[in-house]
Protein backbone atom coordinates (compact mmCIF):
# COMPACT_ATOMS: atom_id res chain seq x y z
CA UNK A 1 0.00 0.00 0.00
CA UNK A 2 1.38 3.38 -0.92
CA UNK A 3 1.74 6.07 1.78
CA UNK A 4 -1.05 8.29 0.43
CA UNK A 5 -3.56 5.45 0.50
CA UNK A 6 -2.51 4.73 4.07
CA UNK A 7 -3.08 8.36 4.99
CA UNK A 8 -6.52 8.41 3.39
CA UNK A 9 -7.51 5.31 5.31
CA UNK A 10 -6.60 6.68 8.73
CA UNK A 11 -9.57 7.01 11.07
CA UNK A 12 -10.52 10.07 13.04
CA UNK A 13 -9.38 12.60 10.46
CA UNK A 14 -11.38 13.82 7.50
CA UNK A 15 -9.87 14.69 4.12
CA UNK A 16 -9.71 18.36 5.08
CA UNK A 17 -7.73 17.55 8.23
CA UNK A 18 -10.58 18.18 10.67
CA UNK A 19 -11.62 15.87 13.45
CA UNK A 20 -14.42 13.53 12.45
CA UNK A 21 -17.58 13.10 14.47
CA UNK A 22 -17.76 9.33 14.24
CA UNK A 23 -17.93 7.56 17.57
CA UNK A 24 -19.21 10.48 19.65
CA UNK A 25 -22.94 10.01 19.06
CA UNK A 26 -22.83 6.21 18.84
CA UNK A 27 -21.19 5.63 22.23
CA UNK A 28 -22.52 8.77 23.94
CA UNK A 29 -21.38 10.45 27.12
CA UNK A 30 -17.96 11.35 28.40
CA UNK A 31 -16.51 7.93 27.67
CA UNK A 32 -17.50 8.29 23.99
CA UNK A 33 -15.94 11.73 23.79
CA UNK A 34 -12.76 10.54 25.48
CA UNK A 35 -12.48 7.58 23.15
CA UNK A 36 -13.09 9.78 20.11
CA UNK A 37 -10.48 12.25 21.28
CA UNK A 38 -7.99 9.45 21.89
CA UNK A 39 -8.62 8.01 18.41
CA UNK A 40 -8.25 11.45 16.82
CA UNK A 41 -4.95 12.08 18.60
CA UNK A 42 -3.71 8.65 17.53
CA UNK A 43 -4.63 9.49 13.94
CA UNK A 44 -2.75 12.80 14.18
CA UNK A 45 0.29 10.94 15.49
CA UNK A 46 0.08 8.38 12.68
CA UNK A 47 -0.17 11.14 10.07
CA UNK A 48 2.86 12.94 11.52
CA UNK A 49 4.86 9.70 11.58
CA UNK A 50 3.84 8.92 7.99
CA UNK A 51 4.85 12.41 6.86
CA UNK A 52 8.21 11.96 8.56
CA UNK A 53 8.71 8.63 6.77
CA UNK A 54 7.79 10.20 3.43
CA UNK A 55 10.24 13.04 4.07
CA UNK A 56 13.06 10.63 4.89
CA UNK A 57 12.34 8.49 1.85
CA UNK A 58 12.23 11.53 -0.43
CA UNK A 59 15.52 12.81 0.98
CA UNK A 60 17.04 9.37 0.39
CA UNK A 61 15.97 9.76 -3.25
CA UNK A 62 13.60 6.78 -3.20
CA UNK A 63 12.08 6.71 -6.71
CA UNK A 64 8.76 5.42 -5.31
CA UNK A 65 8.19 8.63 -3.31
CA UNK A 66 7.51 11.85 -5.18
CA UNK A 67 7.75 15.43 -3.99
CA UNK A 68 3.99 15.79 -4.39
CA UNK A 69 3.27 12.83 -2.11
CA UNK A 70 5.69 14.18 0.45
CA UNK A 71 4.23 17.68 0.43
CA UNK A 72 0.65 16.39 0.63
CA UNK A 73 1.56 14.16 3.56
CA UNK A 74 3.26 17.04 5.34
CA UNK A 75 0.28 19.35 4.76
CA UNK A 76 -2.20 16.73 5.98
CA UNK A 77 -0.15 16.18 9.12
CA UNK A 78 0.09 19.92 9.69
CA UNK A 79 -3.64 20.49 9.23
CA UNK A 80 -4.58 17.61 11.50
CA UNK A 81 -2.21 18.89 14.18
CA UNK A 82 -3.66 22.40 13.90
CA UNK A 83 -7.18 20.98 14.25
CA UNK A 84 -6.12 19.05 17.36
CA UNK A 85 -4.61 22.20 18.87
CA UNK A 86 -7.83 24.12 18.19
CA UNK A 87 -9.87 21.40 19.90
CA UNK A 88 -7.51 21.56 22.88
CA UNK A 89 -7.83 25.35 23.02
CA UNK A 90 -11.64 25.12 22.98
CA UNK A 91 -11.58 22.50 25.74
CA UNK A 92 -9.31 24.64 27.92
CA UNK A 93 -11.50 27.71 27.31
CA UNK A 94 -14.64 25.74 28.21
CA UNK A 95 -12.99 24.35 31.33
CA UNK A 96 -11.81 27.76 32.52
CA UNK A 97 -15.26 29.25 31.83
CA UNK A 98 -16.88 26.52 33.91
CA UNK A 99 -14.40 27.04 36.73
CA UNK A 100 -15.18 30.77 36.80
CA UNK A 101 -18.94 30.17 37.17
CA UNK A 102 -20.43 31.05 40.49
CA UNK A 103 -22.47 28.36 42.16
PDB file of N, CA and C in Angstrom:
ATOM      1  N   UNK A   1       0.855  -1.170   0.000  1.00  0.00           N
ATOM      2  CA  UNK A   1       0.000   0.000   0.000  1.00  0.00           C
ATOM      3  C   UNK A   1       0.900   1.231   0.000  1.00  0.00           C
ATOM      4  N   UNK A   2       0.569   2.179  -0.866  1.00  0.00           N
ATOM      5  CA  UNK A   2       1.383   3.384  -0.923  1.00  0.00           C
ATOM      6  C   UNK A   2       1.039   4.304   0.249  1.00  0.00           C
ATOM      7  N   UNK A   3       1.930   5.224   0.606  1.00  0.00           N
ATOM      8  CA  UNK A   3       1.735   6.075   1.785  1.00  0.00           C
ATOM      9  C   UNK A   3       0.483   6.946   1.719  1.00  0.00           C
ATOM     10  N   UNK A   4       0.118   7.429   0.540  1.00  0.00           N
ATOM     11  CA  UNK A   4      -1.047   8.292   0.433  1.00  0.00           C
ATOM     12  C   UNK A   4      -2.325   7.510   0.715  1.00  0.00           C
ATOM     13  N   UNK A   5      -2.404   6.290   0.218  1.00  0.00           N
ATOM     14  CA  UNK A   5      -3.565   5.454   0.497  1.00  0.00           C
ATOM     15  C   UNK A   5      -3.653   5.166   1.988  1.00  0.00           C
ATOM     16  N   UNK A   6      -2.523   4.960   2.623  1.00  0.00           N
ATOM     17  CA  UNK A   6      -2.510   4.726   4.065  1.00  0.00           C
ATOM     18  C   UNK A   6      -2.998   5.956   4.817  1.00  0.00           C
ATOM     19  N   UNK A   7      -2.622   7.145   4.347  1.00  0.00           N
ATOM     20  CA  UNK A   7      -3.078   8.363   4.994  1.00  0.00           C
ATOM     21  C   UNK A   7      -4.573   8.557   4.819  1.00  0.00           C
ATOM     22  N   UNK A   8      -5.089   8.250   3.639  1.00  0.00           N
ATOM     23  CA  UNK A   8      -6.520   8.410   3.395  1.00  0.00           C
ATOM     24  C   UNK A   8      -7.327   7.456   4.243  1.00  0.00           C
ATOM     25  N   UNK A   9      -6.780   6.302   4.553  1.00  0.00           N
ATOM     26  CA  UNK A   9      -7.509   5.306   5.314  1.00  0.00           C
ATOM     27  C   UNK A   9      -7.453   5.502   6.812  1.00  0.00           C
ATOM     28  N   UNK A  10      -6.712   6.493   7.286  1.00  0.00           N
ATOM     29  CA  UNK A  10      -6.602   6.682   8.732  1.00  0.00           C
ATOM     30  C   UNK A  10      -7.926   7.167   9.298  1.00  0.00           C
ATOM     31  N   UNK A  11      -8.292   6.660  10.464  1.00  0.00           N
ATOM     32  CA  UNK A  11      -9.571   7.010  11.068  1.00  0.00           C
ATOM     33  C   UNK A  11      -9.418   8.217  11.961  1.00  0.00           C
ATOM     34  N   UNK A  12     -10.525   8.937  12.139  1.00  0.00           N
ATOM     35  CA  UNK A  12     -10.524  10.073  13.041  1.00  0.00           C
ATOM     36  C   UNK A  12     -10.214  11.382  12.368  1.00  0.00           C
ATOM     37  N   UNK A  13      -9.723  11.361  11.152  1.00  0.00           N
ATOM     38  CA  UNK A  13      -9.376  12.596  10.459  1.00  0.00           C
ATOM     39  C   UNK A  13     -10.091  12.598   9.118  1.00  0.00           C
ATOM     40  N   UNK A  14     -10.719  13.716   8.786  1.00  0.00           N
ATOM     41  CA  UNK A  14     -11.376  13.822   7.496  1.00  0.00           C
ATOM     42  C   UNK A  14     -10.365  14.274   6.466  1.00  0.00           C
ATOM     43  N   UNK A  15     -10.778  14.308   5.198  1.00  0.00           N
ATOM     44  CA  UNK A  15      -9.868  14.686   4.123  1.00  0.00           C
ATOM     45  C   UNK A  15      -9.344  16.106   4.297  1.00  0.00           C
ATOM     46  N   UNK A  16     -10.136  16.968   4.903  1.00  0.00           N
ATOM     47  CA  UNK A  16      -9.710  18.356   5.082  1.00  0.00           C
ATOM     48  C   UNK A  16      -8.830  18.523   6.311  1.00  0.00           C
ATOM     49  N   UNK A  17      -8.593  17.462   7.053  1.00  0.00           N
ATOM     50  CA  UNK A  17      -7.729  17.550   8.226  1.00  0.00           C
ATOM     51  C   UNK A  17      -8.481  17.814   9.509  1.00  0.00           C
ATOM     52  N   UNK A  18      -9.805  17.928   9.470  1.00  0.00           N
ATOM     53  CA  UNK A  18     -10.584  18.184  10.668  1.00  0.00           C
ATOM     54  C   UNK A  18     -10.876  16.900  11.416  1.00  0.00           C
ATOM     55  N   UNK A  19     -11.264  17.031  12.655  1.00  0.00           N
ATOM     56  CA  UNK A  19     -11.617  15.867  13.445  1.00  0.00           C
ATOM     57  C   UNK A  19     -12.985  15.374  13.012  1.00  0.00           C
ATOM     58  N   UNK A  20     -13.133  14.078  12.860  1.00  0.00           N
ATOM     59  CA  UNK A  20     -14.423  13.526  12.449  1.00  0.00           C
ATOM     60  C   UNK A  20     -15.338  13.409  13.657  1.00  0.00           C
ATOM     61  N   UNK A  21     -16.613  13.206  13.387  1.00  0.00           N
ATOM     62  CA  UNK A  21     -17.582  13.098  14.470  1.00  0.00           C
ATOM     63  C   UNK A  21     -17.975  11.660  14.740  1.00  0.00           C
ATOM     64  N   UNK A  22     -17.376  10.721  14.044  1.00  0.00           N
ATOM     65  CA  UNK A  22     -17.761   9.326  14.244  1.00  0.00           C
ATOM     66  C   UNK A  22     -17.361   8.868  15.631  1.00  0.00           C
ATOM     67  N   UNK A  23     -18.223   8.121  16.253  1.00  0.00           N
ATOM     68  CA  UNK A  23     -17.925   7.564  17.567  1.00  0.00           C
ATOM     69  C   UNK A  23     -18.502   8.375  18.707  1.00  0.00           C
ATOM     70  N   UNK A  24     -18.711   9.663  18.554  1.00  0.00           N
ATOM     71  CA  UNK A  24     -19.215  10.484  19.651  1.00  0.00           C
ATOM     72  C   UNK A  24     -20.684  10.165  19.911  1.00  0.00           C
ATOM     73  N   UNK A  25     -21.507  10.224  18.876  1.00  0.00           N
ATOM     74  CA  UNK A  25     -22.935  10.007  19.058  1.00  0.00           C
ATOM     75  C   UNK A  25     -23.256   8.534  19.310  1.00  0.00           C
ATOM     76  N   UNK A  26     -22.496   7.628  18.714  1.00  0.00           N
ATOM     77  CA  UNK A  26     -22.829   6.213  18.838  1.00  0.00           C
ATOM     78  C   UNK A  26     -22.547   5.675  20.240  1.00  0.00           C
ATOM     79  N   UNK A  27     -21.495   6.131  20.890  1.00  0.00           N
ATOM     80  CA  UNK A  27     -21.186   5.633  22.226  1.00  0.00           C
ATOM     81  C   UNK A  27     -21.755   6.540  23.303  1.00  0.00           C
ATOM     82  N   UNK A  28     -21.894   7.828  23.015  1.00  0.00           N
ATOM     83  CA  UNK A  28     -22.518   8.765  23.937  1.00  0.00           C
ATOM     84  C   UNK A  28     -21.709   9.006  25.193  1.00  0.00           C
ATOM     85  N   UNK A  29     -21.978  10.136  25.844  1.00  0.00           N
ATOM     86  CA  UNK A  29     -21.380  10.454  27.121  1.00  0.00           C
ATOM     87  C   UNK A  29     -19.913  10.801  27.069  1.00  0.00           C
ATOM     88  N   UNK A  30     -19.358  10.952  28.274  1.00  0.00           N
ATOM     89  CA  UNK A  30     -17.962  11.353  28.403  1.00  0.00           C
ATOM     90  C   UNK A  30     -17.009  10.265  27.915  1.00  0.00           C
ATOM     91  N   UNK A  31     -17.375   9.014  28.113  1.00  0.00           N
ATOM     92  CA  UNK A  31     -16.508   7.928  27.668  1.00  0.00           C
ATOM     93  C   UNK A  31     -16.402   7.934  26.157  1.00  0.00           C
ATOM     94  N   UNK A  32     -17.510   8.218  25.447  1.00  0.00           N
ATOM     95  CA  UNK A  32     -17.496   8.291  23.991  1.00  0.00           C
ATOM     96  C   UNK A  32     -16.643   9.438  23.505  1.00  0.00           C
ATOM     97  N   UNK A  33     -16.749  10.573  24.174  1.00  0.00           N
ATOM     98  CA  UNK A  33     -15.940  11.726  23.787  1.00  0.00           C
ATOM     99  C   UNK A  33     -14.466  11.446  24.035  1.00  0.00           C
ATOM    100  N   UNK A  34     -14.152  10.854  25.170  1.00  0.00           N
ATOM    101  CA  UNK A  34     -12.755  10.542  25.483  1.00  0.00           C
ATOM    102  C   UNK A  34     -12.163   9.562  24.495  1.00  0.00           C
ATOM    103  N   UNK A  35     -12.949   8.558  24.121  1.00  0.00           N
ATOM    104  CA  UNK A  35     -12.481   7.575  23.149  1.00  0.00           C
ATOM    105  C   UNK A  35     -12.283   8.228  21.787  1.00  0.00           C
ATOM    106  N   UNK A  36     -13.219   9.081  21.392  1.00  0.00           N
ATOM    107  CA  UNK A  36     -13.091   9.782  20.112  1.00  0.00           C
ATOM    108  C   UNK A  36     -11.864  10.681  20.096  1.00  0.00           C
ATOM    109  N   UNK A  37     -11.641  11.363  21.198  1.00  0.00           N
ATOM    110  CA  UNK A  37     -10.481  12.247  21.284  1.00  0.00           C
ATOM    111  C   UNK A  37      -9.188  11.444  21.225  1.00  0.00           C
ATOM    112  N   UNK A  38      -9.170  10.311  21.914  1.00  0.00           N
ATOM    113  CA  UNK A  38      -7.989   9.451  21.889  1.00  0.00           C
ATOM    114  C   UNK A  38      -7.714   8.920  20.485  1.00  0.00           C
ATOM    115  N   UNK A  39      -8.771   8.499  19.781  1.00  0.00           N
ATOM    116  CA  UNK A  39      -8.616   8.013  18.410  1.00  0.00           C
ATOM    117  C   UNK A  39      -8.131   9.119  17.478  1.00  0.00           C
ATOM    118  N   UNK A  40      -8.660  10.325  17.660  1.00  0.00           N
ATOM    119  CA  UNK A  40      -8.248  11.447  16.818  1.00  0.00           C
ATOM    120  C   UNK A  40      -6.781  11.794  17.053  1.00  0.00           C
ATOM    121  N   UNK A  41      -6.356  11.784  18.301  1.00  0.00           N
ATOM    122  CA  UNK A  41      -4.949  12.080  18.596  1.00  0.00           C
ATOM    123  C   UNK A  41      -4.030  10.985  18.064  1.00  0.00           C
ATOM    124  N   UNK A  42      -4.489   9.746  18.112  1.00  0.00           N
ATOM    125  CA  UNK A  42      -3.709   8.652  17.530  1.00  0.00           C
ATOM    126  C   UNK A  42      -3.581   8.827  16.023  1.00  0.00           C
ATOM    127  N   UNK A  43      -4.668   9.263  15.387  1.00  0.00           N
ATOM    128  CA  UNK A  43      -4.634   9.493  13.941  1.00  0.00           C
ATOM    129  C   UNK A  43      -3.687  10.632  13.593  1.00  0.00           C
ATOM    130  N   UNK A  44      -3.679  11.685  14.402  1.00  0.00           N
ATOM    131  CA  UNK A  44      -2.754  12.801  14.181  1.00  0.00           C
ATOM    132  C   UNK A  44      -1.313  12.306  14.295  1.00  0.00           C
ATOM    133  N   UNK A  45      -1.051  11.495  15.302  1.00  0.00           N
ATOM    134  CA  UNK A  45       0.286  10.944  15.492  1.00  0.00           C
ATOM    135  C   UNK A  45       0.703  10.072  14.310  1.00  0.00           C
ATOM    136  N   UNK A  46      -0.226   9.226  13.836  1.00  0.00           N
ATOM    137  CA  UNK A  46       0.079   8.384  12.677  1.00  0.00           C
ATOM    138  C   UNK A  46       0.384   9.233  11.444  1.00  0.00           C
ATOM    139  N   UNK A  47      -0.393  10.279  11.243  1.00  0.00           N
ATOM    140  CA  UNK A  47      -0.173  11.139  10.074  1.00  0.00           C
ATOM    141  C   UNK A  47       1.185  11.835  10.157  1.00  0.00           C
ATOM    142  N   UNK A  48       1.558  12.298  11.347  1.00  0.00           N
ATOM    143  CA  UNK A  48       2.862  12.935  11.518  1.00  0.00           C
ATOM    144  C   UNK A  48       3.986  11.942  11.285  1.00  0.00           C
ATOM    145  N   UNK A  49       3.840  10.729  11.788  1.00  0.00           N
ATOM    146  CA  UNK A  49       4.858   9.704  11.576  1.00  0.00           C
ATOM    147  C   UNK A  49       4.977   9.351  10.100  1.00  0.00           C
ATOM    148  N   UNK A  50       3.831   9.243   9.411  1.00  0.00           N
ATOM    149  CA  UNK A  50       3.842   8.917   7.988  1.00  0.00           C
ATOM    150  C   UNK A  50       4.502  10.040   7.191  1.00  0.00           C
ATOM    151  N   UNK A  51       4.229  11.291   7.547  1.00  0.00           N
ATOM    152  CA  UNK A  51       4.854  12.415   6.860  1.00  0.00           C
ATOM    153  C   UNK A  51       6.368  12.407   7.079  1.00  0.00           C
ATOM    154  N   UNK A  52       6.787  12.040   8.271  1.00  0.00           N
ATOM    155  CA  UNK A  52       8.210  11.955   8.558  1.00  0.00           C
ATOM    156  C   UNK A  52       8.870  10.853   7.730  1.00  0.00           C
ATOM    157  N   UNK A  53       8.190   9.714   7.590  1.00  0.00           N
ATOM    158  CA  UNK A  53       8.711   8.625   6.773  1.00  0.00           C
ATOM    159  C   UNK A  53       8.814   9.061   5.314  1.00  0.00           C
ATOM    160  N   UNK A  54       7.766   9.710   4.811  1.00  0.00           N
ATOM    161  CA  UNK A  54       7.792  10.204   3.431  1.00  0.00           C
ATOM    162  C   UNK A  54       8.943  11.184   3.215  1.00  0.00           C
ATOM    163  N   UNK A  55       9.157  12.060   4.168  1.00  0.00           N
ATOM    164  CA  UNK A  55      10.242  13.037   4.068  1.00  0.00           C
ATOM    165  C   UNK A  55      11.598  12.342   4.004  1.00  0.00           C
ATOM    166  N   UNK A  56      11.796  11.362   4.893  1.00  0.00           N
ATOM    167  CA  UNK A  56      13.063  10.635   4.891  1.00  0.00           C
ATOM    168  C   UNK A  56      13.281   9.882   3.580  1.00  0.00           C
ATOM    169  N   UNK A  57      12.226   9.245   3.098  1.00  0.00           N
ATOM    170  CA  UNK A  57      12.337   8.490   1.849  1.00  0.00           C
ATOM    171  C   UNK A  57      12.606   9.419   0.666  1.00  0.00           C
ATOM    172  N   UNK A  58      11.977  10.581   0.659  1.00  0.00           N
ATOM    173  CA  UNK A  58      12.228  11.527  -0.430  1.00  0.00           C
ATOM    174  C   UNK A  58      13.663  12.044  -0.377  1.00  0.00           C
ATOM    175  N   UNK A  59      14.149  12.334   0.828  1.00  0.00           N
ATOM    176  CA  UNK A  59      15.521  12.807   0.982  1.00  0.00           C
ATOM    177  C   UNK A  59      16.532  11.735   0.596  1.00  0.00           C
ATOM    178  N   UNK A  60      16.161  10.474   0.776  1.00  0.00           N
ATOM    179  CA  UNK A  60      17.043   9.369   0.388  1.00  0.00           C
ATOM    180  C   UNK A  60      16.931   9.064  -1.102  1.00  0.00           C
ATOM    181  N   UNK A  61      16.162   9.873  -1.808  1.00  0.00           N
ATOM    182  CA  UNK A  61      15.967   9.756  -3.254  1.00  0.00           C
ATOM    183  C   UNK A  61      15.348   8.421  -3.651  1.00  0.00           C
ATOM    184  N   UNK A  62      14.369   7.983  -2.870  1.00  0.00           N
ATOM    185  CA  UNK A  62      13.603   6.783  -3.199  1.00  0.00           C
ATOM    186  C   UNK A  62      12.724   7.116  -4.403  1.00  0.00           C
ATOM    187  N   UNK A  63      12.865   6.389  -5.514  1.00  0.00           N
ATOM    188  CA  UNK A  63      12.076   6.710  -6.712  1.00  0.00           C
ATOM    189  C   UNK A  63      10.575   6.464  -6.544  1.00  0.00           C
ATOM    190  N   UNK A  64      10.180   5.699  -5.537  1.00  0.00           N
ATOM    191  CA  UNK A  64       8.763   5.418  -5.315  1.00  0.00           C
ATOM    192  C   UNK A  64       8.041   6.559  -4.603  1.00  0.00           C
ATOM    193  N   UNK A  65       8.792   7.522  -4.049  1.00  0.00           N
ATOM    194  CA  UNK A  65       8.194   8.629  -3.312  1.00  0.00           C
ATOM    195  C   UNK A  65       8.451   9.924  -4.074  1.00  0.00           C
ATOM    196  N   UNK A  66       7.367  10.599  -4.427  1.00  0.00           N
ATOM    197  CA  UNK A  66       7.509  11.846  -5.180  1.00  0.00           C
ATOM    198  C   UNK A  66       7.431  13.051  -4.234  1.00  0.00           C
ATOM    199  N   UNK A  67       7.830  14.184  -4.749  1.00  0.00           N
ATOM    200  CA  UNK A  67       7.754  15.429  -3.992  1.00  0.00           C
ATOM    201  C   UNK A  67       6.298  15.751  -3.658  1.00  0.00           C
ATOM    202  N   UNK A  68       5.396  15.493  -4.606  1.00  0.00           N
ATOM    203  CA  UNK A  68       3.987  15.787  -4.392  1.00  0.00           C
ATOM    204  C   UNK A  68       3.417  14.976  -3.232  1.00  0.00           C
ATOM    205  N   UNK A  69       3.727  13.674  -3.202  1.00  0.00           N
ATOM    206  CA  UNK A  69       3.266  12.827  -2.106  1.00  0.00           C
ATOM    207  C   UNK A  69       3.798  13.328  -0.769  1.00  0.00           C
ATOM    208  N   UNK A  70       5.063  13.709  -0.775  1.00  0.00           N
ATOM    209  CA  UNK A  70       5.694  14.179   0.451  1.00  0.00           C
ATOM    210  C   UNK A  70       5.046  15.464   0.940  1.00  0.00           C
ATOM    211  N   UNK A  71       4.827  16.403   0.042  1.00  0.00           N
ATOM    212  CA  UNK A  71       4.226  17.680   0.428  1.00  0.00           C
ATOM    213  C   UNK A  71       2.782  17.501   0.891  1.00  0.00           C
ATOM    214  N   UNK A  72       2.034  16.644   0.216  1.00  0.00           N
ATOM    215  CA  UNK A  72       0.650  16.389   0.626  1.00  0.00           C
ATOM    216  C   UNK A  72       0.618  15.750   2.011  1.00  0.00           C
ATOM    217  N   UNK A  73       1.486  14.790   2.246  1.00  0.00           N
ATOM    218  CA  UNK A  73       1.560  14.158   3.559  1.00  0.00           C
ATOM    219  C   UNK A  73       1.922  15.145   4.654  1.00  0.00           C
ATOM    220  N   UNK A  74       2.868  16.033   4.352  1.00  0.00           N
ATOM    221  CA  UNK A  74       3.258  17.037   5.342  1.00  0.00           C
ATOM    222  C   UNK A  74       2.117  18.015   5.623  1.00  0.00           C
ATOM    223  N   UNK A  75       1.390  18.423   4.584  1.00  0.00           N
ATOM    224  CA  UNK A  75       0.276  19.349   4.765  1.00  0.00           C
ATOM    225  C   UNK A  75      -0.871  18.695   5.542  1.00  0.00           C
ATOM    226  N   UNK A  76      -1.158  17.432   5.243  1.00  0.00           N
ATOM    227  CA  UNK A  76      -2.204  16.726   5.977  1.00  0.00           C
ATOM    228  C   UNK A  76      -1.838  16.608   7.458  1.00  0.00           C
ATOM    229  N   UNK A  77      -0.590  16.289   7.738  1.00  0.00           N
ATOM    230  CA  UNK A  77      -0.146  16.181   9.125  1.00  0.00           C
ATOM    231  C   UNK A  77      -0.235  17.537   9.819  1.00  0.00           C
ATOM    232  N   UNK A  78       0.144  18.584   9.115  1.00  0.00           N
ATOM    233  CA  UNK A  78       0.091  19.923   9.687  1.00  0.00           C
ATOM    234  C   UNK A  78      -1.346  20.346   9.982  1.00  0.00           C
ATOM    235  N   UNK A  79      -2.243  20.117   9.027  1.00  0.00           N
ATOM    236  CA  UNK A  79      -3.643  20.494   9.227  1.00  0.00           C
ATOM    237  C   UNK A  79      -4.288  19.697  10.358  1.00  0.00           C
ATOM    238  N   UNK A  80      -3.996  18.417  10.430  1.00  0.00           N
ATOM    239  CA  UNK A  80      -4.583  17.611  11.499  1.00  0.00           C
ATOM    240  C   UNK A  80      -4.045  18.040  12.858  1.00  0.00           C
ATOM    241  N   UNK A  81      -2.772  18.412  12.928  1.00  0.00           N
ATOM    242  CA  UNK A  81      -2.210  18.894  14.185  1.00  0.00           C
ATOM    243  C   UNK A  81      -2.842  20.224  14.585  1.00  0.00           C
ATOM    244  N   UNK A  82      -3.023  21.118  13.618  1.00  0.00           N
ATOM    245  CA  UNK A  82      -3.657  22.402  13.904  1.00  0.00           C
ATOM    246  C   UNK A  82      -5.089  22.215  14.392  1.00  0.00           C
ATOM    247  N   UNK A  83      -5.816  21.264  13.802  1.00  0.00           N
ATOM    248  CA  UNK A  83      -7.176  20.978  14.250  1.00  0.00           C
ATOM    249  C   UNK A  83      -7.170  20.457  15.680  1.00  0.00           C
ATOM    250  N   UNK A  84      -6.223  19.584  16.001  1.00  0.00           N
ATOM    251  CA  UNK A  84      -6.123  19.050  17.363  1.00  0.00           C
ATOM    252  C   UNK A  84      -5.801  20.151  18.363  1.00  0.00           C
ATOM    253  N   UNK A  85      -4.950  21.076  17.978  1.00  0.00           N
ATOM    254  CA  UNK A  85      -4.607  22.196  18.865  1.00  0.00           C
ATOM    255  C   UNK A  85      -5.834  23.082  19.082  1.00  0.00           C
ATOM    256  N   UNK A  86      -6.617  23.312  18.045  1.00  0.00           N
ATOM    257  CA  UNK A  86      -7.828  24.118  18.188  1.00  0.00           C
ATOM    258  C   UNK A  86      -8.840  23.442  19.116  1.00  0.00           C
ATOM    259  N   UNK A  87      -8.972  22.124  19.004  1.00  0.00           N
ATOM    260  CA  UNK A  87      -9.868  21.398  19.904  1.00  0.00           C
ATOM    261  C   UNK A  87      -9.371  21.538  21.337  1.00  0.00           C
ATOM    262  N   UNK A  88      -8.077  21.398  21.533  1.00  0.00           N
ATOM    263  CA  UNK A  88      -7.512  21.557  22.876  1.00  0.00           C
ATOM    264  C   UNK A  88      -7.783  22.953  23.422  1.00  0.00           C
ATOM    265  N   UNK A  89      -7.589  23.975  22.585  1.00  0.00           N
ATOM    266  CA  UNK A  89      -7.831  25.348  23.025  1.00  0.00           C
ATOM    267  C   UNK A  89      -9.281  25.560  23.422  1.00  0.00           C
ATOM    268  N   UNK A  90     -10.211  24.989  22.645  1.00  0.00           N
ATOM    269  CA  UNK A  90     -11.638  25.118  22.977  1.00  0.00           C
ATOM    270  C   UNK A  90     -11.959  24.396  24.283  1.00  0.00           C
ATOM    271  N   UNK A  91     -11.352  23.236  24.501  1.00  0.00           N
ATOM    272  CA  UNK A  91     -11.583  22.503  25.742  1.00  0.00           C
ATOM    273  C   UNK A  91     -11.056  23.276  26.949  1.00  0.00           C
ATOM    274  N   UNK A  92      -9.886  23.858  26.815  1.00  0.00           N
ATOM    275  CA  UNK A  92      -9.313  24.641  27.916  1.00  0.00           C
ATOM    276  C   UNK A  92     -10.174  25.870  28.190  1.00  0.00           C
ATOM    277  N   UNK A  93     -10.644  26.534  27.133  1.00  0.00           N
ATOM    278  CA  UNK A  93     -11.496  27.708  27.310  1.00  0.00           C
ATOM    279  C   UNK A  93     -12.807  27.323  27.992  1.00  0.00           C
ATOM    280  N   UNK A  94     -13.395  26.197  27.588  1.00  0.00           N
ATOM    281  CA  UNK A  94     -14.641  25.742  28.206  1.00  0.00           C
ATOM    282  C   UNK A  94     -14.411  25.376  29.666  1.00  0.00           C
ATOM    283  N   UNK A  95     -13.302  24.725  29.952  1.00  0.00           N
ATOM    284  CA  UNK A  95     -12.990  24.346  31.333  1.00  0.00           C
ATOM    285  C   UNK A  95     -12.805  25.588  32.203  1.00  0.00           C
ATOM    286  N   UNK A  96     -12.048  26.558  31.709  1.00  0.00           N
ATOM    287  CA  UNK A  96     -11.810  27.760  32.518  1.00  0.00           C
ATOM    288  C   UNK A  96     -13.097  28.557  32.706  1.00  0.00           C
ATOM    289  N   UNK A  97     -13.963  28.557  31.691  1.00  0.00           N
ATOM    290  CA  UNK A  97     -15.257  29.255  31.834  1.00  0.00           C
ATOM    291  C   UNK A  97     -16.118  28.573  32.888  1.00  0.00           C
ATOM    292  N   UNK A  98     -16.118  27.244  32.896  1.00  0.00           N
ATOM    293  CA  UNK A  98     -16.883  26.521  33.909  1.00  0.00           C
ATOM    294  C   UNK A  98     -16.325  26.747  35.305  1.00  0.00           C
ATOM    295  N   UNK A  99     -15.009  26.823  35.416  1.00  0.00           N
ATOM    296  CA  UNK A  99     -14.400  27.040  36.729  1.00  0.00           C
ATOM    297  C   UNK A  99     -14.669  28.445  37.264  1.00  0.00           C
ATOM    298  N   UNK A 100     -14.909  29.393  36.376  1.00  0.00           N
ATOM    299  CA  UNK A 100     -15.184  30.772  36.796  1.00  0.00           C
ATOM    300  C   UNK A 100     -16.659  31.020  37.102  1.00  0.00           C
ATOM    301  N   UNK A 101     -17.516  30.024  36.864  1.00  0.00           N
ATOM    302  CA  UNK A 101     -18.936  30.174  37.170  1.00  0.00           C
ATOM    303  C   UNK A 101     -19.148  30.188  38.674  1.00  0.00           C
ATOM    304  N   UNK A 102     -20.086  31.027  39.067  1.00  0.00           N
ATOM    305  CA  UNK A 102     -20.430  31.049  40.492  1.00  0.00           C
ATOM    306  C   UNK A 102     -21.559  30.075  40.744  1.00  0.00           C
ATOM    307  N   UNK A 103     -21.462  29.374  41.849  1.00  0.00           N
ATOM    308  CA  UNK A 103     -22.475  28.362  42.164  1.00  0.00           C
ATOM    309  C   UNK A 103     -23.488  28.891  43.135  1.00  0.00           C
TER     310      UNK A 103
END
